[in-house]
N, C-alpha and C. Protein backbone atom coordinates (compact mmCIF):
# COMPACT_ATOMS: atom_id res chain seq x y z
N MET A 1 -12.77 -24.53 27.14
CA MET A 1 -12.16 -23.36 26.53
C MET A 1 -10.74 -23.66 26.06
N GLU A 2 -10.03 -24.49 26.80
CA GLU A 2 -8.65 -24.83 26.43
C GLU A 2 -8.59 -25.60 25.12
N ASN A 3 -9.64 -26.33 24.81
CA ASN A 3 -9.67 -27.11 23.57
C ASN A 3 -9.92 -26.25 22.34
N ILE A 4 -10.51 -25.09 22.52
CA ILE A 4 -10.89 -24.26 21.38
C ILE A 4 -9.80 -23.24 21.02
N VAL A 5 -8.90 -22.94 21.95
CA VAL A 5 -7.88 -21.91 21.71
C VAL A 5 -7.00 -22.23 20.51
N PRO A 6 -6.49 -23.44 20.34
CA PRO A 6 -5.67 -23.71 19.14
C PRO A 6 -6.45 -23.53 17.84
N TYR A 7 -7.73 -23.86 17.86
CA TYR A 7 -8.54 -23.69 16.65
C TYR A 7 -8.77 -22.21 16.35
N LEU A 8 -8.98 -21.40 17.37
CA LEU A 8 -9.13 -19.96 17.17
C LEU A 8 -7.85 -19.35 16.62
N SER A 9 -6.73 -19.79 17.13
CA SER A 9 -5.45 -19.29 16.65
C SER A 9 -5.22 -19.67 15.19
N ALA A 10 -5.48 -20.91 14.86
CA ALA A 10 -5.31 -21.37 13.48
C ALA A 10 -6.29 -20.66 12.55
N THR A 11 -7.52 -20.49 13.00
CA THR A 11 -8.52 -19.82 12.17
C THR A 11 -8.14 -18.37 11.92
N SER A 12 -7.66 -17.67 12.94
CA SER A 12 -7.28 -16.27 12.75
C SER A 12 -6.06 -16.16 11.84
N THR A 13 -5.14 -17.11 11.92
CA THR A 13 -3.98 -17.09 11.03
C THR A 13 -4.40 -17.31 9.58
N ILE A 14 -5.28 -18.26 9.36
CA ILE A 14 -5.76 -18.54 8.00
C ILE A 14 -6.55 -17.36 7.45
N LEU A 15 -7.41 -16.76 8.26
CA LEU A 15 -8.18 -15.59 7.82
C LEU A 15 -7.25 -14.42 7.49
N GLY A 16 -6.25 -14.21 8.32
CA GLY A 16 -5.28 -13.14 8.05
C GLY A 16 -4.54 -13.37 6.75
N LEU A 17 -4.14 -14.59 6.48
CA LEU A 17 -3.46 -14.92 5.23
C LEU A 17 -4.38 -14.73 4.03
N VAL A 18 -5.63 -15.15 4.17
CA VAL A 18 -6.59 -14.98 3.08
C VAL A 18 -6.82 -13.50 2.78
N PHE A 19 -6.98 -12.69 3.82
CA PHE A 19 -7.16 -11.25 3.62
C PHE A 19 -5.93 -10.62 2.99
N PHE A 20 -4.74 -11.00 3.44
CA PHE A 20 -3.50 -10.46 2.88
C PHE A 20 -3.40 -10.81 1.40
N VAL A 21 -3.62 -12.05 1.04
CA VAL A 21 -3.55 -12.46 -0.36
C VAL A 21 -4.62 -11.74 -1.18
N GLY A 22 -5.79 -11.56 -0.61
CA GLY A 22 -6.85 -10.83 -1.31
C GLY A 22 -6.48 -9.38 -1.58
N ILE A 23 -5.87 -8.72 -0.62
CA ILE A 23 -5.45 -7.33 -0.81
C ILE A 23 -4.35 -7.23 -1.84
N VAL A 24 -3.38 -8.14 -1.79
CA VAL A 24 -2.31 -8.15 -2.79
C VAL A 24 -2.88 -8.40 -4.17
N TRP A 25 -3.80 -9.34 -4.29
CA TRP A 25 -4.43 -9.64 -5.58
C TRP A 25 -5.17 -8.42 -6.11
N TRP A 26 -5.92 -7.73 -5.23
CA TRP A 26 -6.67 -6.54 -5.62
C TRP A 26 -5.72 -5.42 -6.06
N ALA A 27 -4.63 -5.22 -5.30
CA ALA A 27 -3.71 -4.12 -5.59
C ALA A 27 -2.98 -4.33 -6.92
N TRP A 28 -2.71 -5.56 -7.29
CA TRP A 28 -1.97 -5.85 -8.52
C TRP A 28 -2.88 -6.24 -9.68
N SER A 29 -4.20 -6.12 -9.52
CA SER A 29 -5.11 -6.51 -10.58
C SER A 29 -5.04 -5.54 -11.74
N ALA A 30 -5.47 -5.98 -12.90
CA ALA A 30 -5.40 -5.17 -14.11
C ALA A 30 -6.30 -3.94 -14.01
N ASN A 31 -7.38 -4.03 -13.25
CA ASN A 31 -8.29 -2.89 -13.10
C ASN A 31 -7.64 -1.72 -12.35
N ARG A 32 -6.60 -1.97 -11.58
CA ARG A 32 -5.95 -0.93 -10.79
C ARG A 32 -4.73 -0.35 -11.50
N LYS A 33 -4.43 -0.77 -12.71
CA LYS A 33 -3.22 -0.32 -13.40
C LYS A 33 -3.18 1.19 -13.57
N ALA A 34 -4.28 1.80 -13.97
CA ALA A 34 -4.31 3.25 -14.17
C ALA A 34 -4.08 3.98 -12.85
N ALA A 35 -4.72 3.53 -11.79
CA ALA A 35 -4.55 4.18 -10.48
C ALA A 35 -3.13 4.00 -9.97
N ASN A 36 -2.55 2.83 -10.19
CA ASN A 36 -1.17 2.59 -9.75
C ASN A 36 -0.19 3.45 -10.53
N ASP A 37 -0.40 3.61 -11.83
CA ASP A 37 0.48 4.46 -12.64
C ASP A 37 0.37 5.91 -12.20
N GLU A 38 -0.85 6.37 -11.91
CA GLU A 38 -1.03 7.74 -11.45
C GLU A 38 -0.35 7.96 -10.10
N SER A 39 -0.49 7.01 -9.20
CA SER A 39 0.14 7.12 -7.89
C SER A 39 1.66 7.08 -7.98
N ALA A 40 2.19 6.34 -8.92
CA ALA A 40 3.64 6.26 -9.09
C ALA A 40 4.22 7.58 -9.56
N GLN A 41 3.42 8.39 -10.26
CA GLN A 41 3.91 9.67 -10.77
C GLN A 41 3.74 10.83 -9.77
N LEU A 42 3.04 10.63 -8.69
CA LEU A 42 2.78 11.71 -7.73
C LEU A 42 4.05 12.39 -7.21
N PRO A 43 5.10 11.67 -6.83
CA PRO A 43 6.29 12.37 -6.33
C PRO A 43 6.94 13.28 -7.37
N PHE A 44 6.78 12.96 -8.63
CA PHE A 44 7.40 13.74 -9.69
C PHE A 44 6.56 14.95 -10.08
N ASN A 45 5.29 14.97 -9.68
CA ASN A 45 4.39 16.06 -10.03
C ASN A 45 4.34 17.15 -8.96
N LEU A 46 5.08 16.99 -7.87
CA LEU A 46 5.08 17.99 -6.81
C LEU A 46 5.90 19.20 -7.24
N PRO A 47 5.52 20.38 -6.77
CA PRO A 47 6.32 21.57 -7.10
C PRO A 47 7.66 21.52 -6.36
N ASP A 48 8.66 22.14 -6.96
CA ASP A 48 9.97 22.19 -6.31
C ASP A 48 9.91 23.16 -5.15
N GLU A 49 10.43 22.75 -4.00
CA GLU A 49 10.43 23.61 -2.83
C GLU A 49 11.61 24.59 -2.86
N TYR A 50 12.67 24.19 -3.50
CA TYR A 50 13.88 25.00 -3.53
C TYR A 50 14.16 25.35 -4.98
N LYS A 51 13.94 26.60 -5.31
CA LYS A 51 14.14 27.03 -6.69
C LYS A 51 15.43 27.80 -6.82
N LYS A 52 15.87 27.97 -8.03
CA LYS A 52 17.12 28.65 -8.29
C LYS A 52 17.07 30.11 -7.82
N GLU A 53 15.91 30.78 -7.91
CA GLU A 53 15.78 32.17 -7.47
C GLU A 53 16.05 32.29 -5.98
N ASN A 54 15.60 31.34 -5.20
CA ASN A 54 15.82 31.38 -3.76
C ASN A 54 17.28 31.23 -3.42
N LYS A 55 18.01 30.50 -4.22
CA LYS A 55 19.44 30.29 -3.98
C LYS A 55 20.20 31.61 -4.17
N ASP A 56 19.83 32.42 -5.16
CA ASP A 56 20.49 33.65 -5.45
C ASP A 56 20.23 34.71 -4.38
N GLN A 57 19.10 34.63 -3.68
CA GLN A 57 18.75 35.63 -2.67
C GLN A 57 19.53 35.43 -1.38
N SER A 58 20.08 34.28 -1.13
CA SER A 58 20.77 34.00 0.13
C SER A 58 22.08 34.72 0.25
């Protein structure tokens, strides 16, 4: 068992790196451009919580 532990550690590190690179590649791929643009606009499409009318009522 002691002989296999370094190989398990190295294998899990390599698999983690491969998955990370795969997710980054998927997120930045050209097919996701429309979804990324839509997500980037979400904060600007929210309604204002504090409106000018509420300020005058205080």
